[in-house]
Amino acid sequence: MTGEQGSVRVDTWIWAVRLIKTRSMAASACRAGHVKVNGERVKPAQAVKVGDEVRVWHAGRERVVKATRLIRKRVGAPTAAECLIDNSPPPPPRVEVPAVPVRDRGAGRPTKRERRELDRLRGQG
């Protein structure tokens, strides 16, 4: 499970430490150039060693992590957190979406009943 010595494929490692949801997504991110190890774009089979800085651009956010332990299998979140040091910038603040305004009854376009009453008042009906 752990590979304290040696190296691990970068796509396997970023999947195992839960930076990306699936391994195929991790490999696709590597091929698209969204993963950098020590500042260089890498292919999915590139090796990651302890102490390497891994930058992953995923879901509109850049994650910057330092590998402290190498793992090949996906583990629980608490164990995965022990395998890296997260140096990522804080996520951008959430944009508050204004709620859909509720129109008061009678405001805006008149209803059919209101149109008939207006016509009667004007003497048109």
C-alpha atoms as a PDB file:
ATOM      1  CA  MET A   1       0.000   0.000   0.000  1.00  0.00           C
ATOM      2  CA  THR A   2       2.730   2.478   0.807  1.00  0.00           C
ATOM      3  CA  GLY A   3       5.801   2.948  -1.291  1.00  0.00           C
ATOM      4  CA  GLU A   4       8.041   4.821   1.113  1.00  0.00           C
ATOM      5  CA  GLN A   5      11.032   4.273  -1.147  1.00  0.00           C
ATOM      6  CA  GLY A   6      10.977   4.680  -4.901  1.00  0.00           C
ATOM      7  CA  SER A   7       8.247   6.413  -6.806  1.00  0.00           C
ATOM      8  CA  VAL A   8       4.612   6.205  -7.890  1.00  0.00           C
ATOM      9  CA  ARG A   9       2.874   7.267 -11.112  1.00  0.00           C
ATOM     10  CA  VAL A  10       1.562  10.814 -10.818  1.00  0.00           C
ATOM     11  CA  ASP A  11      -1.962   9.929 -12.002  1.00  0.00           C
ATOM     12  CA  THR A  12      -2.175   7.129  -9.444  1.00  0.00           C
ATOM     13  CA  TRP A  13      -0.893   9.334  -6.634  1.00  0.00           C
ATOM     14  CA  ILE A  14      -3.215  12.308  -7.211  1.00  0.00           C
ATOM     15  CA  TRP A  15      -6.140   9.865  -7.375  1.00  0.00           C
ATOM     16  CA  ALA A  16      -5.008   7.983  -4.249  1.00  0.00           C
ATOM     17  CA  VAL A  17      -4.688  11.161  -2.145  1.00  0.00           C
ATOM     18  CA  ARG A  18      -8.135  12.307  -3.329  1.00  0.00           C
ATOM     19  CA  LEU A  19      -7.159  15.377  -5.337  1.00  0.00           C
ATOM     20  CA  ILE A  20      -9.147  14.010  -8.299  1.00  0.00           C
ATOM     21  CA  LYS A  21     -12.175  11.739  -8.128  1.00  0.00           C
ATOM     22  CA  THR A  22     -11.203   8.967 -10.584  1.00  0.00           C
ATOM     23  CA  ARG A  23      -7.947   7.662 -11.977  1.00  0.00           C
ATOM     24  CA  SER A  24      -9.100   8.138 -15.547  1.00  0.00           C
ATOM     25  CA  MET A  25      -9.866  11.800 -14.766  1.00  0.00           C
ATOM     26  CA  ALA A  26      -6.389  12.098 -13.254  1.00  0.00           C
ATOM     27  CA  ALA A  27      -4.796  10.639 -16.391  1.00  0.00           C
ATOM     28  CA  SER A  28      -6.876  12.966 -18.582  1.00  0.00           C
ATOM     29  CA  ALA A  29      -5.801  15.966 -16.501  1.00  0.00           C
ATOM     30  CA  CYS A  30      -2.163  14.956 -16.980  1.00  0.00           C
ATOM     31  CA  ARG A  31      -2.578  14.579 -20.744  1.00  0.00           C
ATOM     32  CA  ALA A  32      -4.326  17.982 -20.922  1.00  0.00           C
ATOM     33  CA  GLY A  33      -1.421  19.656 -19.126  1.00  0.00           C
ATOM     34  CA  HIS A  34      -3.298  20.426 -15.907  1.00  0.00           C
ATOM     35  CA  VAL A  35      -0.784  18.599 -13.695  1.00  0.00           C
ATOM     36  CA  LYS A  36       2.738  19.846 -12.997  1.00  0.00           C
ATOM     37  CA  VAL A  37       5.435  18.203 -10.895  1.00  0.00           C
ATOM     38  CA  ASN A  38       8.150  20.597  -9.729  1.00  0.00           C
ATOM     39  CA  GLY A  39       6.941  23.171 -12.271  1.00  0.00           C
ATOM     40  CA  GLU A  40       6.979  20.895 -15.332  1.00  0.00           C
ATOM     41  CA  ARG A  41       3.974  19.480 -17.160  1.00  0.00           C
ATOM     42  CA  VAL A  42       3.894  15.720 -16.874  1.00  0.00           C
ATOM     43  CA  LYS A  43       2.425  12.677 -18.567  1.00  0.00           C
ATOM     44  CA  PRO A  44       0.323  10.223 -16.516  1.00  0.00           C
ATOM     45  CA  ALA A  45       3.212   7.762 -16.099  1.00  0.00           C
ATOM     46  CA  GLN A  46       5.627  10.383 -14.734  1.00  0.00           C
ATOM     47  CA  ALA A  47       7.062   9.392 -11.354  1.00  0.00           C
ATOM     48  CA  VAL A  48       6.342  11.302  -8.139  1.00  0.00           C
ATOM     49  CA  LYS A  49       8.865  11.095  -5.309  1.00  0.00           C
ATOM     50  CA  VAL A  50       8.682  12.208  -1.684  1.00  0.00           C
ATOM     51  CA  GLY A  51       9.295  15.951  -1.503  1.00  0.00           C
ATOM     52  CA  ASP A  52       7.973  16.747  -4.999  1.00  0.00           C
ATOM     53  CA  GLU A  53       5.617  19.698  -5.433  1.00  0.00           C
ATOM     54  CA  VAL A  54       2.513  18.719  -7.397  1.00  0.00           C
ATOM     55  CA  ARG A  55       0.210  21.353  -8.899  1.00  0.00           C
ATOM     56  CA  VAL A  56      -3.206  20.218 -10.107  1.00  0.00           C
ATOM     57  CA  TRP A  57      -5.705  22.494 -11.877  1.00  0.00           C
ATOM     58  CA  HIS A  58      -9.115  20.856 -11.349  1.00  0.00           C
ATOM     59  CA  ALA A  59     -12.694  22.120 -10.947  1.00  0.00           C
ATOM     60  CA  GLY A  60     -11.690  25.724 -11.568  1.00  0.00           C
ATOM     61  CA  ARG A  61      -9.128  25.769  -8.774  1.00  0.00           C
ATOM     62  CA  GLU A  62      -5.399  25.145  -8.478  1.00  0.00           C
ATOM     63  CA  ARG A  63      -4.232  22.761  -5.762  1.00  0.00           C
ATOM     64  CA  VAL A  64      -0.578  22.972  -4.717  1.00  0.00           C
ATOM     65  CA  VAL A  65       0.604  20.043  -2.596  1.00  0.00           C
ATOM     66  CA  LYS A  66       3.906  18.564  -1.477  1.00  0.00           C
ATOM     67  CA  ALA A  67       4.199  14.783  -1.417  1.00  0.00           C
ATOM     68  CA  THR A  68       5.219  13.509   2.024  1.00  0.00           C
ATOM     69  CA  ARG A  69       4.296   9.848   1.546  1.00  0.00           C
ATOM     70  CA  LEU A  70       3.710   7.758  -1.562  1.00  0.00           C
ATOM     71  CA  ILE A  71       0.659   5.539  -1.863  1.00  0.00           C
ATOM     72  CA  ARG A  72      -0.689   3.516  -4.780  1.00  0.00           C
ATOM     73  CA  LYS A  73      -4.163   2.620  -3.475  1.00  0.00           C
ATOM     74  CA  ARG A  74      -6.998   4.999  -2.666  1.00  0.00           C
ATOM     75  CA  VAL A  75      -7.355   5.428   1.087  1.00  0.00           C
ATOM     76  CA  GLY A  76      -9.685   7.237   3.459  1.00  0.00           C
ATOM     77  CA  ALA A  77      -9.602  11.020   3.677  1.00  0.00           C
ATOM     78  CA  PRO A  78      -7.789  11.184   7.056  1.00  0.00           C
ATOM     79  CA  THR A  79      -5.027   8.858   5.800  1.00  0.00           C
ATOM     80  CA  ALA A  80      -4.797  10.727   2.481  1.00  0.00           C
ATOM     81  CA  ALA A  81      -4.328  14.021   4.350  1.00  0.00           C
ATOM     82  CA  GLU A  82      -1.227  12.557   6.032  1.00  0.00           C
ATOM     83  CA  CYS A  83       0.356  11.858   2.621  1.00  0.00           C
ATOM     84  CA  LEU A  84       0.615  15.483   1.548  1.00  0.00           C
ATOM     85  CA  ILE A  85       1.126  19.042   2.728  1.00  0.00           C
ATOM     86  CA  ASP A  86      -1.491  21.327   1.205  1.00  0.00           C
ATOM     87  CA  ASN A  87      -0.043  24.706   0.173  1.00  0.00           C
ATOM     88  CA  SER A  88      -3.029  25.653  -1.998  1.00  0.00           C
ATOM     89  CA  PRO A  89      -4.342  29.195  -2.025  1.00  0.00           C
ATOM     90  CA  PRO A  90      -7.697  29.542  -0.292  1.00  0.00           C
ATOM     91  CA  PRO A  91     -10.703  28.839  -2.503  1.00  0.00           C
ATOM     92  CA  PRO A  92     -12.412  31.882  -3.984  1.00  0.00           C
ATOM     93  CA  PRO A  93     -15.385  33.134  -1.996  1.00  0.00           C
ATOM     94  CA  ARG A  94     -18.732  31.815  -3.098  1.00  0.00           C
ATOM     95  CA  VAL A  95     -20.782  34.234  -5.095  1.00  0.00           C
ATOM     96  CA  GLU A  96     -24.135  34.799  -3.492  1.00  0.00           C
ATOM     97  CA  VAL A  97     -26.829  34.200  -6.068  1.00  0.00           C
ATOM     98  CA  PRO A  98     -29.756  36.513  -5.489  1.00  0.00           C
ATOM     99  CA  ALA A  99     -32.968  34.695  -4.744  1.00  0.00           C
ATOM    100  CA  VAL A 100     -35.690  34.795  -7.354  1.00  0.00           C
ATOM    101  CA  PRO A 101     -37.835  37.777  -6.419  1.00  0.00           C
ATOM    102  CA  VAL A 102     -41.391  36.991  -5.382  1.00  0.00           C
ATOM    103  CA  ARG A 103     -43.870  39.259  -7.082  1.00  0.00           C
ATOM    104  CA  ASP A 104     -46.623  40.606  -4.891  1.00  0.00           C
ATOM    105  CA  ARG A 105     -50.099  39.726  -6.037  1.00  0.00           C
ATOM    106  CA  GLY A 106     -51.334  42.517  -8.234  1.00  0.00           C
ATOM    107  CA  ALA A 107     -47.892  43.777  -9.111  1.00  0.00           C
ATOM    108  CA  GLY A 108     -46.833  43.391 -12.719  1.00  0.00           C
ATOM    109  CA  ARG A 109     -49.125  42.190 -15.467  1.00  0.00           C
ATOM    110  CA  PRO A 110     -52.809  42.198 -14.464  1.00  0.00           C
ATOM    111  CA  THR A 111     -54.702  38.927 -14.259  1.00  0.00           C
ATOM    112  CA  LYS A 112     -57.676  38.174 -16.502  1.00  0.00           C
ATOM    113  CA  ARG A 113     -60.068  39.068 -13.712  1.00  0.00           C
ATOM    114  CA  GLU A 114     -58.304  42.388 -13.125  1.00  0.00           C
ATOM    115  CA  ARG A 115     -58.392  43.180 -16.870  1.00  0.00           C
ATOM    116  CA  ARG A 116     -62.152  42.569 -16.962  1.00  0.00           C
ATOM    117  CA  GLU A 117     -62.661  44.854 -13.960  1.00  0.00           C
ATOM    118  CA  LEU A 118     -60.585  47.573 -15.623  1.00  0.00           C
ATOM    119  CA  ASP A 119     -62.594  47.229 -18.824  1.00  0.00           C
ATOM    120  CA  ARG A 120     -65.849  47.571 -16.829  1.00  0.00           C
ATOM    121  CA  LEU A 121     -64.547  50.700 -15.086  1.00  0.00           C
ATOM    122  CA  ARG A 122     -63.587  52.233 -18.420  1.00  0.00           C
ATOM    123  CA  GLY A 123     -66.978  51.357 -19.878  1.00  0.00           C
ATOM    124  CA  GLN A 124     -65.576  49.068 -22.551  1.00  0.00           C
ATOM    125  CA  GLY A 125     -67.232  45.876 -21.504  1.00  0.00           C
END
